PDB file of N, CA and C in Angstrom:
ATOM      1  N   MET A   1      48.133 136.317  21.440  1.00  0.00           N
ATOM      2  CA  MET A   1      46.920 136.308  20.332  1.00  0.00           C
ATOM      3  C   MET A   1      47.075 137.354  19.675  1.00  0.00           C
ATOM      4  N   ASP A   2      47.081 136.882  18.201  1.00  0.00           N
ATOM      5  CA  ASP A   2      46.777 137.846  17.060  1.00  0.00           C
ATOM      6  C   ASP A   2      45.071 137.527  16.787  1.00  0.00           C
ATOM      7  N   ILE A   3      44.693 138.900  16.538  1.00  0.00           N
ATOM      8  CA  ILE A   3      43.247 139.112  16.008  1.00  0.00           C
ATOM      9  C   ILE A   3      43.237 139.634  14.779  1.00  0.00           C
ATOM     10  N   LYS A   4      43.000 138.964  13.800  1.00  0.00           N
ATOM     11  CA  LYS A   4      42.843 139.954  12.390  1.00  0.00           C
ATOM     12  C   LYS A   4      41.468 139.746  11.610  1.00  0.00           C
ATOM     13  N   ILE A   5      41.147 141.188  11.158  1.00  0.00           N
ATOM     14  CA  ILE A   5      39.832 141.209  10.390  1.00  0.00           C
ATOM     15  C   ILE A   5      40.436 141.504   9.287  1.00  0.00           C
ATOM     16  N   ASP A   6      39.939 140.613   8.195  1.00  0.00           N
ATOM     17  CA  ASP A   6      40.377 140.861   6.727  1.00  0.00           C
ATOM     18  C   ASP A   6      39.159 140.582   5.938  1.00  0.00           C
ATOM     19  N   LYS A   7      39.471 141.148   4.591  1.00  0.00           N
ATOM     20  CA  LYS A   7      38.560 140.554   3.449  1.00  0.00           C
ATOM     21  C   LYS A   7      39.112 139.704   2.612  1.00  0.00           C
ATOM     22  N   THR A   8      38.148 139.002   2.077  1.00  0.00           N
ATOM     23  CA  THR A   8      38.778 137.657   0.824  1.00  0.00           C
ATOM     24  C   THR A   8      38.460 138.727  -0.424  1.00  0.00           C
ATOM     25  N   ASP A   9      38.913 137.836  -1.205  1.00  0.00           N
ATOM     26  CA  ASP A   9      38.984 138.432  -2.724  1.00  0.00           C
ATOM     27  C   ASP A   9      37.651 138.855  -3.192  1.00  0.00           C
ATOM     28  N   ASP A  10      36.576 138.212  -2.858  1.00  0.00           N
ATOM     29  CA  ASP A  10      35.149 138.584  -3.184  1.00  0.00           C
ATOM     30  C   ASP A  10      34.585 139.533  -2.515  1.00  0.00           C
ATOM     31  N   GLY A  11      35.334 140.203  -1.369  1.00  0.00           N
ATOM     32  CA  GLY A  11      34.702 141.146  -0.670  1.00  0.00           C
ATOM     33  C   GLY A  11      34.133 140.894   0.976  1.00  0.00           C
ATOM     34  N   LYS A  12      34.199 139.457   0.955  1.00  0.00           N
ATOM     35  CA  LYS A  12      33.579 139.296   2.426  1.00  0.00           C
ATOM     36  C   LYS A  12      34.593 139.358   3.410  1.00  0.00           C
ATOM     37  N   ARG A  13      34.108 139.547   4.689  1.00  0.00           N
ATOM     38  CA  ARG A  13      34.810 139.893   5.738  1.00  0.00           C
ATOM     39  C   ARG A  13      35.194 138.331   6.643  1.00  0.00           C
ATOM     40  N   PHE A  14      36.322 138.272   7.253  1.00  0.00           N
ATOM     41  CA  PHE A  14      36.318 137.429   8.085  1.00  0.00           C
ATOM     42  C   PHE A  14      37.144 137.930   9.289  1.00  0.00           C
ATOM     43  N   LEU A  15      37.023 136.747  10.103  1.00  0.00           N
ATOM     44  CA  LEU A  15      37.820 137.119  11.471  1.00  0.00           C
ATOM     45  C   LEU A  15      38.727 136.006  12.029  1.00  0.00           C
ATOM     46  N   GLU A  16      39.810 136.329  12.330  1.00  0.00           N
ATOM     47  CA  GLU A  16      41.066 135.007  12.527  1.00  0.00           C
ATOM     48  C   GLU A  16      41.614 135.297  13.591  1.00  0.00           C
ATOM     49  N   TYR A  17      41.647 134.194  14.471  1.00  0.00           N
ATOM     50  CA  TYR A  17      42.144 134.342  15.750  1.00  0.00           C
ATOM     51  C   TYR A  17      43.712 133.571  15.615  1.00  0.00           C
ATOM     52  N   ASN A  18      44.607 133.619  15.949  1.00  0.00           N
ATOM     53  CA  ASN A  18      45.739 133.074  15.747  1.00  0.00           C
ATOM     54  C   ASN A  18      46.500 132.934  17.270  1.00  0.00           C
ATOM     55  N   THR A  19      46.655 131.909  17.690  1.00  0.00           N
ATOM     56  CA  THR A  19      46.763 131.674  19.462  1.00  0.00           C
ATOM     57  C   THR A  19      47.888 130.574  19.248  1.00  0.00           C
ATOM     58  N   LEU A  20      48.906 130.656  20.415  1.00  0.00           N
ATOM     59  CA  LEU A  20      50.035 129.672  20.530  1.00  0.00           C
ATOM     60  C   LEU A  20      49.414 128.427  21.295  1.00  0.00           C
ATOM     61  N   GLY A  21      48.414 128.427  21.661  1.00  0.00           N
ATOM     62  CA  GLY A  21      47.999 127.173  22.649  1.00  0.00           C
ATOM     63  C   GLY A  21      46.624 127.653  23.463  1.00  0.00           C
ATOM     64  N   GLY A  22      46.409 126.639  24.139  1.00  0.00           N
ATOM     65  CA  GLY A  22      45.095 126.692  25.169  1.00  0.00           C
ATOM     66  C   GLY A  22      43.874 126.672  24.606  1.00  0.00           C
ATOM     67  N   VAL A  23      42.755 127.133  25.279  1.00  0.00           N
ATOM     68  CA  VAL A  23      41.516 126.675  24.988  1.00  0.00           C
ATOM     69  C   VAL A  23      40.597 128.272  24.935  1.00  0.00           C
ATOM     70  N   LEU A  24      39.865 128.233  24.019  1.00  0.00           N
ATOM     71  CA  LEU A  24      39.360 129.658  23.686  1.00  0.00           C
ATOM     72  C   LEU A  24      37.816 129.165  23.612  1.00  0.00           C
ATOM     73  N   ASP A  25      37.102 129.780  24.788  1.00  0.00           N
ATOM     74  CA  ASP A  25      35.261 129.571  24.557  1.00  0.00           C
ATOM     75  C   ASP A  25      34.844 130.608  24.328  1.00  0.00           C
ATOM     76  N   PHE A  26      33.831 130.963  23.072  1.00  0.00           N
ATOM     77  CA  PHE A  26      33.487 131.902  22.678  1.00  0.00           C
ATOM     78  C   PHE A  26      32.065 131.669  22.776  1.00  0.00           C
ATOM     79  N   TYR A  27      31.175 132.747  23.110  1.00  0.00           N
ATOM     80  CA  TYR A  27      29.699 132.952  23.374  1.00  0.00           C
ATOM     81  C   TYR A  27      29.308 133.966  22.647  1.00  0.00           C
ATOM     82  N   PHE A  28      28.364 133.612  21.854  1.00  0.00           N
ATOM     83  CA  PHE A  28      27.720 134.768  20.790  1.00  0.00           C
ATOM     84  C   PHE A  28      26.659 134.971  21.401  1.00  0.00           C
ATOM     85  N   LEU A  29      26.265 136.196  22.231  1.00  0.00           N
ATOM     86  CA  LEU A  29      24.883 136.502  22.649  1.00  0.00           C
ATOM     87  C   LEU A  29      23.965 137.253  21.792  1.00  0.00           C
ATOM     88  N   ALA A  30      23.093 136.832  20.773  1.00  0.00           N
ATOM     89  CA  ALA A  30      22.582 137.622  19.600  1.00  0.00           C
ATOM     90  C   ALA A  30      21.061 138.081  20.298  1.00  0.00           C
ATOM     91  N   GLY A  31      20.790 138.449  21.508  1.00  0.00           N
ATOM     92  CA  GLY A  31      19.589 139.023  21.709  1.00  0.00           C
ATOM     93  C   GLY A  31      19.132 140.303  20.929  1.00  0.00           C
ATOM     94  N   PRO A  32      17.711 140.552  20.628  1.00  0.00           N
ATOM     95  CA  PRO A  32      17.325 141.399  19.808  1.00  0.00           C
ATOM     96  C   PRO A  32      17.593 142.919  20.412  1.00  0.00           C
ATOM     97  N   THR A  33      17.524 142.902  21.875  1.00  0.00           N
ATOM     98  CA  THR A  33      17.771 144.021  22.509  1.00  0.00           C
ATOM     99  C   THR A  33      18.669 143.861  23.481  1.00  0.00           C
ATOM    100  N   PRO A  34      19.328 145.145  24.061  1.00  0.00           N
ATOM    101  CA  PRO A  34      20.402 144.896  24.986  1.00  0.00           C
ATOM    102  C   PRO A  34      19.904 144.213  26.529  1.00  0.00           C
ATOM    103  N   LYS A  35      18.641 144.167  26.913  1.00  0.00           N
ATOM    104  CA  LYS A  35      18.119 143.520  27.846  1.00  0.00           C
ATOM    105  C   LYS A  35      18.039 142.079  27.822  1.00  0.00           C
ATOM    106  N   ASP A  36      17.599 141.693  26.370  1.00  0.00           N
ATOM    107  CA  ASP A  36      17.793 140.190  26.159  1.00  0.00           C
ATOM    108  C   ASP A  36      19.234 139.645  26.118  1.00  0.00           C
ATOM    109  N   VAL A  37      20.227 140.442  25.982  1.00  0.00           N
ATOM    110  CA  VAL A  37      21.724 140.176  25.863  1.00  0.00           C
ATOM    111  C   VAL A  37      22.087 140.010  27.454  1.00  0.00           C
ATOM    112  N   SER A  38      21.575 140.970  28.287  1.00  0.00           N
ATOM    113  CA  SER A  38      22.015 140.854  29.500  1.00  0.00           C
ATOM    114  C   SER A  38      21.307 139.432  30.346  1.00  0.00           C
ATOM    115  N   VAL A  39      20.054 138.933  29.914  1.00  0.00           N
ATOM    116  CA  VAL A  39      19.620 137.845  30.251  1.00  0.00           C
ATOM    117  C   VAL A  39      20.355 136.599  29.997  1.00  0.00           C
ATOM    118  N   GLN A  40      20.549 136.597  28.576  1.00  0.00           N
ATOM    119  CA  GLN A  40      21.339 135.455  28.123  1.00  0.00           C
ATOM    120  C   GLN A  40      22.626 135.206  28.622  1.00  0.00           C
ATOM    121  N   TYR A  41      23.442 136.480  28.860  1.00  0.00           N
ATOM    122  CA  TYR A  41      24.682 136.543  29.750  1.00  0.00           C
ATOM    123  C   TYR A  41      24.284 135.814  31.280  1.00  0.00           C
ATOM    124  N   SER A  42      23.346 136.444  31.892  1.00  0.00           N
ATOM    125  CA  SER A  42      23.125 135.865  33.193  1.00  0.00           C
ATOM    126  C   SER A  42      22.918 134.337  32.933  1.00  0.00           C
ATOM    127  N   GLU A  43      22.522 133.939  32.119  1.00  0.00           N
ATOM    128  CA  GLU A  43      21.927 132.320  31.679  1.00  0.00           C
ATOM    129  C   GLU A  43      23.107 131.394  31.681  1.00  0.00           C
ATOM    130  N   VAL A  44      24.257 132.218  31.320  1.00  0.00           N
ATOM    131  CA  VAL A  44      25.672 131.504  30.872  1.00  0.00           C
ATOM    132  C   VAL A  44      26.392 131.489  31.920  1.00  0.00           C
ATOM    133  N   VAL A  45      26.569 132.484  32.918  1.00  0.00           N
ATOM    134  CA  VAL A  45      27.644 132.663  33.813  1.00  0.00           C
ATOM    135  C   VAL A  45      26.962 132.466  35.296  1.00  0.00           C
ATOM    136  N   GLY A  46      25.669 132.670  35.246  1.00  0.00           N
ATOM    137  CA  GLY A  46      24.964 132.404  36.670  1.00  0.00           C
ATOM    138  C   GLY A  46      24.627 133.989  37.022  1.00  0.00           C
ATOM    139  N   LEU A  47      23.774 133.725  38.138  1.00  0.00           N
ATOM    140  CA  LEU A  47      23.611 135.038  38.831  1.00  0.00           C
ATOM    141  C   LEU A  47      24.443 135.134  40.136  1.00  0.00           C
ATOM    142  N   PRO A  48      24.707 136.654  40.240  1.00  0.00           N
ATOM    143  CA  PRO A  48      25.851 136.816  41.748  1.00  0.00           C
ATOM    144  C   PRO A  48      24.992 136.255  42.940  1.00  0.00           C
ATOM    145  N   ALA A  49      25.631 135.788  43.973  1.00  0.00           N
ATOM    146  CA  ALA A  49      25.079 135.607  45.248  1.00  0.00           C
ATOM    147  C   ALA A  49      24.588 136.782  46.147  1.00  0.00           C
ATOM    148  N   MET A  50      23.355 136.598  46.652  1.00  0.00           N
ATOM    149  CA  MET A  50      22.708 137.377  47.475  1.00  0.00           C
ATOM    150  C   MET A  50      23.617 137.843  48.499  1.00  0.00           C
ATOM    151  N   GLN A  51      23.835 139.118  48.650  1.00  0.00           N
ATOM    152  CA  GLN A  51      24.628 139.714  49.863  1.00  0.00           C
ATOM    153  C   GLN A  51      24.179 139.654  51.190  1.00  0.00           C
ATOM    154  N   SER A  52      24.399 139.609  52.279  1.00  0.00           N
ATOM    155  CA  SER A  52      24.015 139.833  53.601  1.00  0.00           C
ATOM    156  C   SER A  52      23.284 141.240  53.832  1.00  0.00           C
ATOM    157  N   TYR A  53      22.252 141.200  54.668  1.00  0.00           N
ATOM    158  CA  TYR A  53      21.730 142.600  54.705  1.00  0.00           C
ATOM    159  C   TYR A  53      22.636 143.648  55.577  1.00  0.00           C
ATOM    160  N   TRP A  54      23.570 143.128  56.304  1.00  0.00           N
ATOM    161  CA  TRP A  54      24.241 144.289  56.845  1.00  0.00           C
ATOM    162  C   TRP A  54      25.418 144.910  56.076  1.00  0.00           C
ATOM    163  N   THR A  55      25.456 144.269  54.838  1.00  0.00           N
ATOM    164  CA  THR A  55      26.469 145.052  53.908  1.00  0.00           C
ATOM    165  C   THR A  55      25.621 146.210  52.952  1.00  0.00           C
ATOM    166  N   PHE A  56      24.415 146.084  53.320  1.00  0.00           N
ATOM    167  CA  PHE A  56      23.585 147.292  52.617  1.00  0.00           C
ATOM    168  C   PHE A  56      23.372 148.304  53.680  1.00  0.00           C
ATOM    169  N   GLY A  57      23.789 148.098  54.848  1.00  0.00           N
ATOM    170  CA  GLY A  57      23.715 149.100  55.899  1.00  0.00           C
ATOM    171  C   GLY A  57      22.326 149.039  56.585  1.00  0.00           C
ATOM    172  N   VAL A  58      21.505 148.015  56.434  1.00  0.00           N
ATOM    173  CA  VAL A  58      20.330 147.995  57.095  1.00  0.00           C
ATOM    174  C   VAL A  58      20.370 148.097  58.740  1.00  0.00           C
ATOM    175  N   CYS A  59      21.527 147.542  59.496  1.00  0.00           N
ATOM    176  CA  CYS A  59      21.633 147.702  60.714  1.00  0.00           C
ATOM    177  C   CYS A  59      21.973 149.182  61.004  1.00  0.00           C
ATOM    178  N   ASP A  60      22.664 149.835  60.353  1.00  0.00           N
ATOM    179  CA  ASP A  60      23.070 151.357  60.608  1.00  0.00           C
ATOM    180  C   ASP A  60      21.783 152.186  60.480  1.00  0.00           C
ATOM    181  N   LEU A  61      20.759 151.829  59.333  1.00  0.00           N
ATOM    182  CA  LEU A  61      19.667 152.578  59.480  1.00  0.00           C
ATOM    183  C   LEU A  61      18.696 152.227  60.456  1.00  0.00           C
ATOM    184  N   LEU A  62      18.743 151.065  61.088  1.00  0.00           N
ATOM    185  CA  LEU A  62      17.938 150.724  62.255  1.00  0.00           C
ATOM    186  C   LEU A  62      18.204 151.501  63.318  1.00  0.00           C
ATOM    187  N   ILE A  63      19.642 151.599  63.644  1.00  0.00           N
ATOM    188  CA  ILE A  63      20.128 152.299  64.702  1.00  0.00           C
ATOM    189  C   ILE A  63      19.769 153.888  64.764  1.00  0.00           C
ATOM    190  N   PHE A  64      19.959 154.434  63.286  1.00  0.00           N
ATOM    191  CA  PHE A  64      19.789 155.699  63.031  1.00  0.00           C
ATOM    192  C   PHE A  64      18.026 156.037  63.367  1.00  0.00           C
ATOM    193  N   ALA A  65      17.363 155.258  62.943  1.00  0.00           N
ATOM    194  CA  ALA A  65      15.894 155.513  63.117  1.00  0.00           C
ATOM    195  C   ALA A  65      15.369 155.488  64.742  1.00  0.00           C
ATOM    196  N   LEU A  66      16.235 154.431  65.397  1.00  0.00           N
ATOM    197  CA  LEU A  66      15.923 154.458  66.790  1.00  0.00           C
ATOM    198  C   LEU A  66      16.586 155.692  67.610  1.00  0.00           C
ATOM    199  N   PHE A  67      17.583 156.069  67.013  1.00  0.00           N
ATOM    200  CA  PHE A  67      18.243 157.210  67.544  1.00  0.00           C
ATOM    201  C   PHE A  67      17.213 158.652  67.415  1.00  0.00           C
ATOM    202  N   CYS A  68      16.616 158.890  66.250  1.00  0.00           N
ATOM    203  CA  CYS A  68      15.908 159.873  65.832  1.00  0.00           C
ATOM    204  C   CYS A  68      14.582 159.677  66.640  1.00  0.00           C
ATOM    205  N   VAL A  69      13.916 158.528  66.856  1.00  0.00           N
ATOM    206  CA  VAL A  69      12.865 158.409  67.536  1.00  0.00           C
ATOM    207  C   VAL A  69      13.163 158.815  68.920  1.00  0.00           C
ATOM    208  N   ASN A  70      14.115 158.317  69.473  1.00  0.00           N
ATOM    209  CA  ASN A  70      14.763 158.620  70.930  1.00  0.00           C
ATOM    210  C   ASN A  70      14.940 160.255  71.087  1.00  0.00           C
ATOM    211  N   LEU A  71      15.390 160.869  70.222  1.00  0.00           N
ATOM    212  CA  LEU A  71      15.519 162.164  70.055  1.00  0.00           C
ATOM    213  C   LEU A  71      14.489 163.256  70.139  1.00  0.00           C
ATOM    214  N   VAL A  72      13.172 162.654  69.081  1.00  0.00           N
ATOM    215  CA  VAL A  72      12.084 163.044  69.248  1.00  0.00           C
ATOM    216  C   VAL A  72      11.482 163.170  70.670  1.00  0.00           C
ATOM    217  N   LEU A  73      11.494 161.945  71.296  1.00  0.00           N
ATOM    218  CA  LEU A  73      10.676 161.667  72.545  1.00  0.00           C
ATOM    219  C   LEU A  73      11.346 162.688  73.868  1.00  0.00           C
ATOM    220  N   VAL A  74      13.000 162.715  73.744  1.00  0.00           N
ATOM    221  CA  VAL A  74      13.501 163.333  74.556  1.00  0.00           C
ATOM    222  C   VAL A  74      13.411 165.113  74.251  1.00  0.00           C
ATOM    223  N   SER A  75      13.056 165.240  73.177  1.00  0.00           N
ATOM    224  CA  SER A  75      12.957 166.631  72.851  1.00  0.00           C
ATOM    225  C   SER A  75      11.305 167.219  73.543  1.00  0.00           C
ATOM    226  N   GLN A  76      10.420 166.311  73.431  1.00  0.00           N
ATOM    227  CA  GLN A  76       9.230 166.474  73.807  1.00  0.00           C
ATOM    228  C   GLN A  76       8.809 166.165  75.206  1.00  0.00           C
ATOM    229  N   LEU A  77       9.805 165.675  76.003  1.00  0.00           N
ATOM    230  CA  LEU A  77       9.769 165.472  77.311  1.00  0.00           C
ATOM    231  C   LEU A  77       9.463 166.706  78.317  1.00  0.00           C
ATOM    232  N   PRO A  78       9.805 167.676  77.930  1.00  0.00           N
ATOM    233  CA  PRO A  78       9.850 168.722  78.856  1.00  0.00           C
ATOM    234  C   PRO A  78       8.595 169.632  78.733  1.00  0.00           C
ATOM    235  N   LEU A  79       7.812 169.151  77.512  1.00  0.00           N
ATOM    236  CA  LEU A  79       6.488 170.002  77.158  1.00  0.00           C
ATOM    237  C   LEU A  79       5.679 168.961  77.822  1.00  0.00           C
ATOM    238  N   ARG A  80       5.591 167.842  78.305  1.00  0.00           N
ATOM    239  CA  ARG A  80       4.565 166.975  78.930  1.00  0.00           C
ATOM    240  C   ARG A  80       3.259 166.936  78.056  1.00  0.00           C
ATOM    241  N   LEU A  81       3.696 166.615  76.780  1.00  0.00           N
ATOM    242  CA  LEU A  81       2.650 166.385  75.946  1.00  0.00           C
ATOM    243  C   LEU A  81       1.967 164.970  76.036  1.00  0.00           C
ATOM    244  N   PRO A  82       0.589 165.009  75.985  1.00  0.00           N
ATOM    245  CA  PRO A  82      -0.082 163.560  76.239  1.00  0.00           C
ATOM    246  C   PRO A  82       0.448 162.722  75.006  1.00  0.00           C
ATOM    247  N   GLY A  83       0.442 161.329  75.504  1.00  0.00           N
ATOM    248  CA  GLY A  83       0.767 160.259  74.619  1.00  0.00           C
ATOM    249  C   GLY A  83       2.616 160.262  74.500  1.00  0.00           C
ATOM    250  N   CYS A  84       3.147 161.079  75.079  1.00  0.00           N
ATOM    251  CA  CYS A  84       4.839 161.051  75.269  1.00  0.00           C
ATOM    252  C   CYS A  84       5.306 160.480  76.632  1.00  0.00           C
ATOM    253  N   LEU A  85       6.230 160.021  76.758  1.00  0.00           N
ATOM    254  CA  LEU A  85       6.724 159.670  78.080  1.00  0.00           C
ATOM    255  C   LEU A  85       6.959 160.732  79.037  1.00  0.00           C
TER     256      LEU A  85
END
């Protein structure tokens, strides 16, 4: 595919696409701000699927939190503080 940007004799610019075949789909997203352009783009292509919680490491964080609680309780066991095991 060849893409040419050129000027006419009266000074106007134009864009020319020369292809050998196939289908070209063009979407012009002319939002006034970059945020509007990203919203328009998500309307065209759709939003991504939500990932599972385990892909974010939620299970690892839970195991780490339980490990920390256990570590604190075990370290306070010899002190025999009230409220601790």
